[in-house]
Amino acid sequence: MEVQFLIDEKEKIKIEIKNEGHTLCNPIVKELWKDDKVEVAGYSIDHSLVSNPLLTVEGSDAKGSLKKAIARLSKKVTGMDDKFKKIK
C-alpha cells in the first residue's frame, strides 16, 4: 500500500491510498468519528475498478487523529487474529 498526501496541514489532510478500497477506508472513517477532535472524516472513490480512495480528515489535529484511529484499529485486528488462532 502506498499513501500520498495531497493536502498536509495541521487541521486538514487529504490522502490518496493506492490499490485499496472500501474494505480499508470504511473502518478507518468509522474509527475517526469516535474522536471528539475530528470535524470531518470521509473518503471517496470515483470508480472502484480504476480509482484510488481519497481520504479526508479535518479537525484540530487531523494527522494525530488519523494515527490514533489506525492504532486502535490495529489493536482490534490483532485481537481478532488471536481469537481465530484459537479455533480448532
N, C-alpha and C. Protein backbone atom coordinates (compact mmCIF):
# COMPACT_ATOMS: atom_id res chain seq x y z
N MET A 1 0.85 -1.17 0.00
CA MET A 1 0.00 0.00 0.00
C MET A 1 0.90 1.23 0.00
N GLU A 2 0.54 2.18 -0.84
CA GLU A 2 1.27 3.44 -0.92
C GLU A 2 0.31 4.57 -0.58
N VAL A 3 0.77 5.51 0.24
CA VAL A 3 -0.05 6.64 0.66
C VAL A 3 0.62 7.92 0.18
N GLN A 4 -0.17 8.78 -0.46
CA GLN A 4 0.35 10.06 -0.93
C GLN A 4 -0.49 11.18 -0.33
N PHE A 5 0.16 12.10 0.36
CA PHE A 5 -0.54 13.25 0.93
C PHE A 5 -0.78 14.29 -0.15
N LEU A 6 -2.03 14.61 -0.38
CA LEU A 6 -2.40 15.65 -1.33
C LEU A 6 -2.54 16.99 -0.62
N ILE A 7 -3.03 16.96 0.61
CA ILE A 7 -3.09 18.12 1.50
C ILE A 7 -2.53 17.66 2.84
N ASP A 8 -1.56 18.38 3.35
CA ASP A 8 -0.92 18.00 4.62
C ASP A 8 -0.79 19.24 5.48
N GLU A 9 -1.87 19.57 6.18
CA GLU A 9 -1.90 20.72 7.07
C GLU A 9 -2.27 20.22 8.46
N LYS A 10 -2.08 21.06 9.47
CA LYS A 10 -2.39 20.64 10.84
C LYS A 10 -3.86 20.27 11.00
N GLU A 11 -4.75 21.07 10.43
CA GLU A 11 -6.17 20.86 10.64
C GLU A 11 -6.87 20.14 9.48
N LYS A 12 -6.14 19.83 8.42
CA LYS A 12 -6.76 19.12 7.29
C LYS A 12 -5.72 18.29 6.56
N ILE A 13 -6.09 17.04 6.33
CA ILE A 13 -5.26 16.19 5.48
C ILE A 13 -6.17 15.52 4.44
N LYS A 14 -5.60 15.30 3.29
CA LYS A 14 -6.27 14.55 2.23
C LYS A 14 -5.22 13.64 1.64
N ILE A 15 -5.51 12.35 1.68
CA ILE A 15 -4.52 11.38 1.20
C ILE A 15 -5.14 10.45 0.17
N GLU A 16 -4.31 10.05 -0.75
CA GLU A 16 -4.68 9.03 -1.73
C GLU A 16 -4.05 7.73 -1.24
N ILE A 17 -4.87 6.70 -1.14
CA ILE A 17 -4.40 5.38 -0.69
C ILE A 17 -4.43 4.46 -1.90
N LYS A 18 -3.26 4.19 -2.44
CA LYS A 18 -3.18 3.45 -3.70
C LYS A 18 -3.45 1.96 -3.51
N ASN A 19 -4.20 1.42 -4.45
CA ASN A 19 -4.51 -0.01 -4.52
C ASN A 19 -5.31 -0.53 -3.32
N GLU A 20 -6.14 0.32 -2.75
CA GLU A 20 -7.02 -0.09 -1.66
C GLU A 20 -8.44 0.31 -2.01
N GLY A 21 -9.39 -0.04 -1.15
CA GLY A 21 -10.78 0.27 -1.44
C GLY A 21 -11.60 0.46 -0.18
N HIS A 22 -12.88 0.15 -0.30
CA HIS A 22 -13.82 0.33 0.81
C HIS A 22 -13.44 -0.50 2.04
N THR A 23 -12.87 -1.67 1.83
CA THR A 23 -12.54 -2.57 2.93
C THR A 23 -11.59 -1.94 3.93
N LEU A 24 -10.68 -1.12 3.48
CA LEU A 24 -9.76 -0.43 4.37
C LEU A 24 -10.32 0.91 4.82
N CYS A 25 -10.87 1.67 3.91
CA CYS A 25 -11.27 3.06 4.22
C CYS A 25 -12.49 3.15 5.14
N ASN A 26 -13.45 2.29 4.96
CA ASN A 26 -14.66 2.37 5.77
C ASN A 26 -14.37 2.21 7.27
N PRO A 27 -13.60 1.20 7.70
CA PRO A 27 -13.30 1.08 9.13
C PRO A 27 -12.47 2.27 9.65
N ILE A 28 -11.58 2.80 8.83
CA ILE A 28 -10.79 3.95 9.27
C ILE A 28 -11.70 5.14 9.54
N VAL A 29 -12.62 5.41 8.63
CA VAL A 29 -13.53 6.55 8.80
C VAL A 29 -14.42 6.34 10.02
N LYS A 30 -14.94 5.13 10.20
CA LYS A 30 -15.78 4.86 11.37
C LYS A 30 -15.01 5.07 12.67
N GLU A 31 -13.75 4.69 12.67
CA GLU A 31 -12.92 4.86 13.86
C GLU A 31 -12.58 6.34 14.08
N LEU A 32 -12.37 7.07 13.01
CA LEU A 32 -12.10 8.51 13.12
C LEU A 32 -13.25 9.25 13.78
N TRP A 33 -14.48 8.84 13.48
CA TRP A 33 -15.65 9.54 14.04
C TRP A 33 -15.78 9.35 15.54
N LYS A 34 -15.03 8.46 16.14
CA LYS A 34 -15.04 8.26 17.58
C LYS A 34 -14.18 9.30 18.31
N ASP A 35 -13.43 10.09 17.55
CA ASP A 35 -12.52 11.09 18.11
C ASP A 35 -13.24 12.45 18.16
N ASP A 36 -13.33 13.04 19.34
CA ASP A 36 -14.00 14.33 19.51
C ASP A 36 -13.33 15.46 18.75
N LYS A 37 -12.06 15.32 18.44
CA LYS A 37 -11.32 16.37 17.74
C LYS A 37 -11.60 16.38 16.24
N VAL A 38 -12.21 15.31 15.72
CA VAL A 38 -12.48 15.19 14.29
C VAL A 38 -13.78 15.90 13.94
N GLU A 39 -13.70 16.79 12.97
CA GLU A 39 -14.88 17.52 12.49
C GLU A 39 -15.39 16.97 11.16
N VAL A 40 -14.48 16.46 10.35
CA VAL A 40 -14.83 15.88 9.05
C VAL A 40 -13.99 14.62 8.86
N ALA A 41 -14.65 13.53 8.47
CA ALA A 41 -13.94 12.29 8.14
C ALA A 41 -14.74 11.59 7.05
N GLY A 42 -14.10 11.32 5.95
CA GLY A 42 -14.78 10.64 4.87
C GLY A 42 -13.82 10.27 3.76
N TYR A 43 -14.31 9.51 2.84
CA TYR A 43 -13.49 9.13 1.69
C TYR A 43 -14.38 9.03 0.46
N SER A 44 -13.73 9.09 -0.68
CA SER A 44 -14.46 8.92 -1.94
C SER A 44 -13.63 8.05 -2.87
N ILE A 45 -14.34 7.30 -3.69
CA ILE A 45 -13.71 6.50 -4.73
C ILE A 45 -14.52 6.76 -6.00
N ASP A 46 -13.90 7.40 -6.98
CA ASP A 46 -14.63 7.73 -8.21
C ASP A 46 -15.15 6.48 -8.91
N HIS A 47 -14.29 5.49 -9.07
CA HIS A 47 -14.68 4.23 -9.70
C HIS A 47 -13.86 3.13 -9.06
N SER A 48 -14.52 2.15 -8.49
CA SER A 48 -13.83 1.14 -7.68
C SER A 48 -12.82 0.30 -8.47
N LEU A 49 -12.96 0.21 -9.78
CA LEU A 49 -12.03 -0.60 -10.55
C LEU A 49 -10.80 0.17 -11.02
N VAL A 50 -10.91 1.48 -11.13
CA VAL A 50 -9.79 2.24 -11.72
C VAL A 50 -9.33 3.42 -10.86
N SER A 51 -9.99 3.70 -9.74
CA SER A 51 -9.64 4.86 -8.92
C SER A 51 -9.14 4.44 -7.55
N ASN A 52 -8.29 5.25 -6.98
CA ASN A 52 -7.82 5.05 -5.62
C ASN A 52 -8.68 5.89 -4.68
N PRO A 53 -8.87 5.42 -3.45
CA PRO A 53 -9.63 6.20 -2.48
C PRO A 53 -8.91 7.49 -2.09
N LEU A 54 -9.69 8.52 -1.87
CA LEU A 54 -9.19 9.78 -1.33
C LEU A 54 -9.82 9.96 0.05
N LEU A 55 -9.00 9.94 1.07
CA LEU A 55 -9.45 10.05 2.46
C LEU A 55 -9.20 11.47 2.94
N THR A 56 -10.24 12.09 3.51
CA THR A 56 -10.15 13.45 4.02
C THR A 56 -10.45 13.45 5.52
N VAL A 57 -9.60 14.14 6.27
CA VAL A 57 -9.80 14.28 7.71
C VAL A 57 -9.58 15.75 8.06
N GLU A 58 -10.53 16.31 8.81
CA GLU A 58 -10.40 17.68 9.29
C GLU A 58 -10.67 17.71 10.79
N GLY A 59 -9.89 18.50 11.49
CA GLY A 59 -10.05 18.64 12.94
C GLY A 59 -8.86 19.38 13.50
N SER A 60 -8.82 19.53 14.80
CA SER A 60 -7.76 20.31 15.42
C SER A 60 -6.37 19.67 15.25
N ASP A 61 -6.31 18.35 15.10
CA ASP A 61 -5.04 17.63 14.85
C ASP A 61 -5.34 16.47 13.92
N ALA A 62 -5.54 16.77 12.65
CA ALA A 62 -6.00 15.78 11.68
C ALA A 62 -5.08 14.56 11.59
N LYS A 63 -3.80 14.80 11.44
CA LYS A 63 -2.86 13.68 11.29
C LYS A 63 -2.77 12.87 12.58
N GLY A 64 -2.77 13.54 13.72
CA GLY A 64 -2.74 12.84 15.01
C GLY A 64 -3.98 11.98 15.20
N SER A 65 -5.13 12.50 14.82
CA SER A 65 -6.38 11.73 14.93
C SER A 65 -6.34 10.50 14.03
N LEU A 66 -5.78 10.66 12.84
CA LEU A 66 -5.67 9.52 11.92
C LEU A 66 -4.73 8.46 12.49
N LYS A 67 -3.61 8.88 13.03
CA LYS A 67 -2.66 7.93 13.63
C LYS A 67 -3.30 7.16 14.78
N LYS A 68 -4.06 7.87 15.62
CA LYS A 68 -4.70 7.22 16.76
C LYS A 68 -5.78 6.24 16.29
N ALA A 69 -6.54 6.62 15.27
CA ALA A 69 -7.58 5.73 14.75
C ALA A 69 -6.96 4.46 14.18
N ILE A 70 -5.87 4.59 13.45
CA ILE A 70 -5.20 3.43 12.88
C ILE A 70 -4.63 2.54 13.98
N ALA A 71 -4.11 3.14 15.04
CA ALA A 71 -3.58 2.35 16.17
C ALA A 71 -4.69 1.56 16.85
N ARG A 72 -5.86 2.20 17.03
CA ARG A 72 -6.99 1.49 17.66
C ARG A 72 -7.46 0.33 16.77
N LEU A 73 -7.53 0.57 15.47
CA LEU A 73 -7.93 -0.50 14.55
C LEU A 73 -6.92 -1.63 14.55
N SER A 74 -5.66 -1.30 14.60
CA SER A 74 -4.61 -2.31 14.62
C SER A 74 -4.76 -3.23 15.84
N LYS A 75 -5.08 -2.64 16.99
CA LYS A 75 -5.30 -3.44 18.21
C LYS A 75 -6.49 -4.38 18.03
N LYS A 76 -7.56 -3.86 17.44
CA LYS A 76 -8.76 -4.68 17.23
C LYS A 76 -8.46 -5.85 16.30
N VAL A 77 -7.74 -5.60 15.24
CA VAL A 77 -7.42 -6.66 14.27
C VAL A 77 -6.51 -7.70 14.91
N THR A 78 -5.53 -7.24 15.68
CA THR A 78 -4.63 -8.17 16.35
C THR A 78 -5.41 -9.04 17.32
N GLY A 79 -6.33 -8.46 18.07
CA GLY A 79 -7.16 -9.24 19.00
C GLY A 79 -8.01 -10.26 18.28
N MET A 80 -8.55 -9.88 17.12
CA MET A 80 -9.37 -10.80 16.35
C MET A 80 -8.51 -11.93 15.80
N ASP A 81 -7.31 -11.61 15.36
CA ASP A 81 -6.40 -12.61 14.83
C ASP A 81 -6.08 -13.66 15.90
N ASP A 82 -5.83 -13.20 17.13
CA ASP A 82 -5.55 -14.13 18.23
C ASP A 82 -6.73 -15.07 18.48
N LYS A 83 -7.94 -14.54 18.41
CA LYS A 83 -9.14 -15.37 18.63
C LYS A 83 -9.30 -16.41 17.54
N PHE A 84 -9.01 -16.05 16.30
CA PHE A 84 -9.13 -17.01 15.21
C PHE A 84 -8.10 -18.12 15.31
N LYS A 85 -6.95 -17.81 15.84
CA LYS A 85 -5.89 -18.82 16.00
C LYS A 85 -6.31 -19.89 17.01
N LYS A 86 -7.21 -19.54 17.94
CA LYS A 86 -7.65 -20.48 18.96
C LYS A 86 -8.72 -21.45 18.44
N ILE A 87 -9.29 -21.15 17.31
CA ILE A 87 -10.34 -22.02 16.73
C ILE A 87 -9.67 -23.28 16.18
N LYS A 88 -10.26 -24.41 16.54
CA LYS A 88 -9.71 -25.70 16.07
C LYS A 88 -10.65 -26.36 15.11
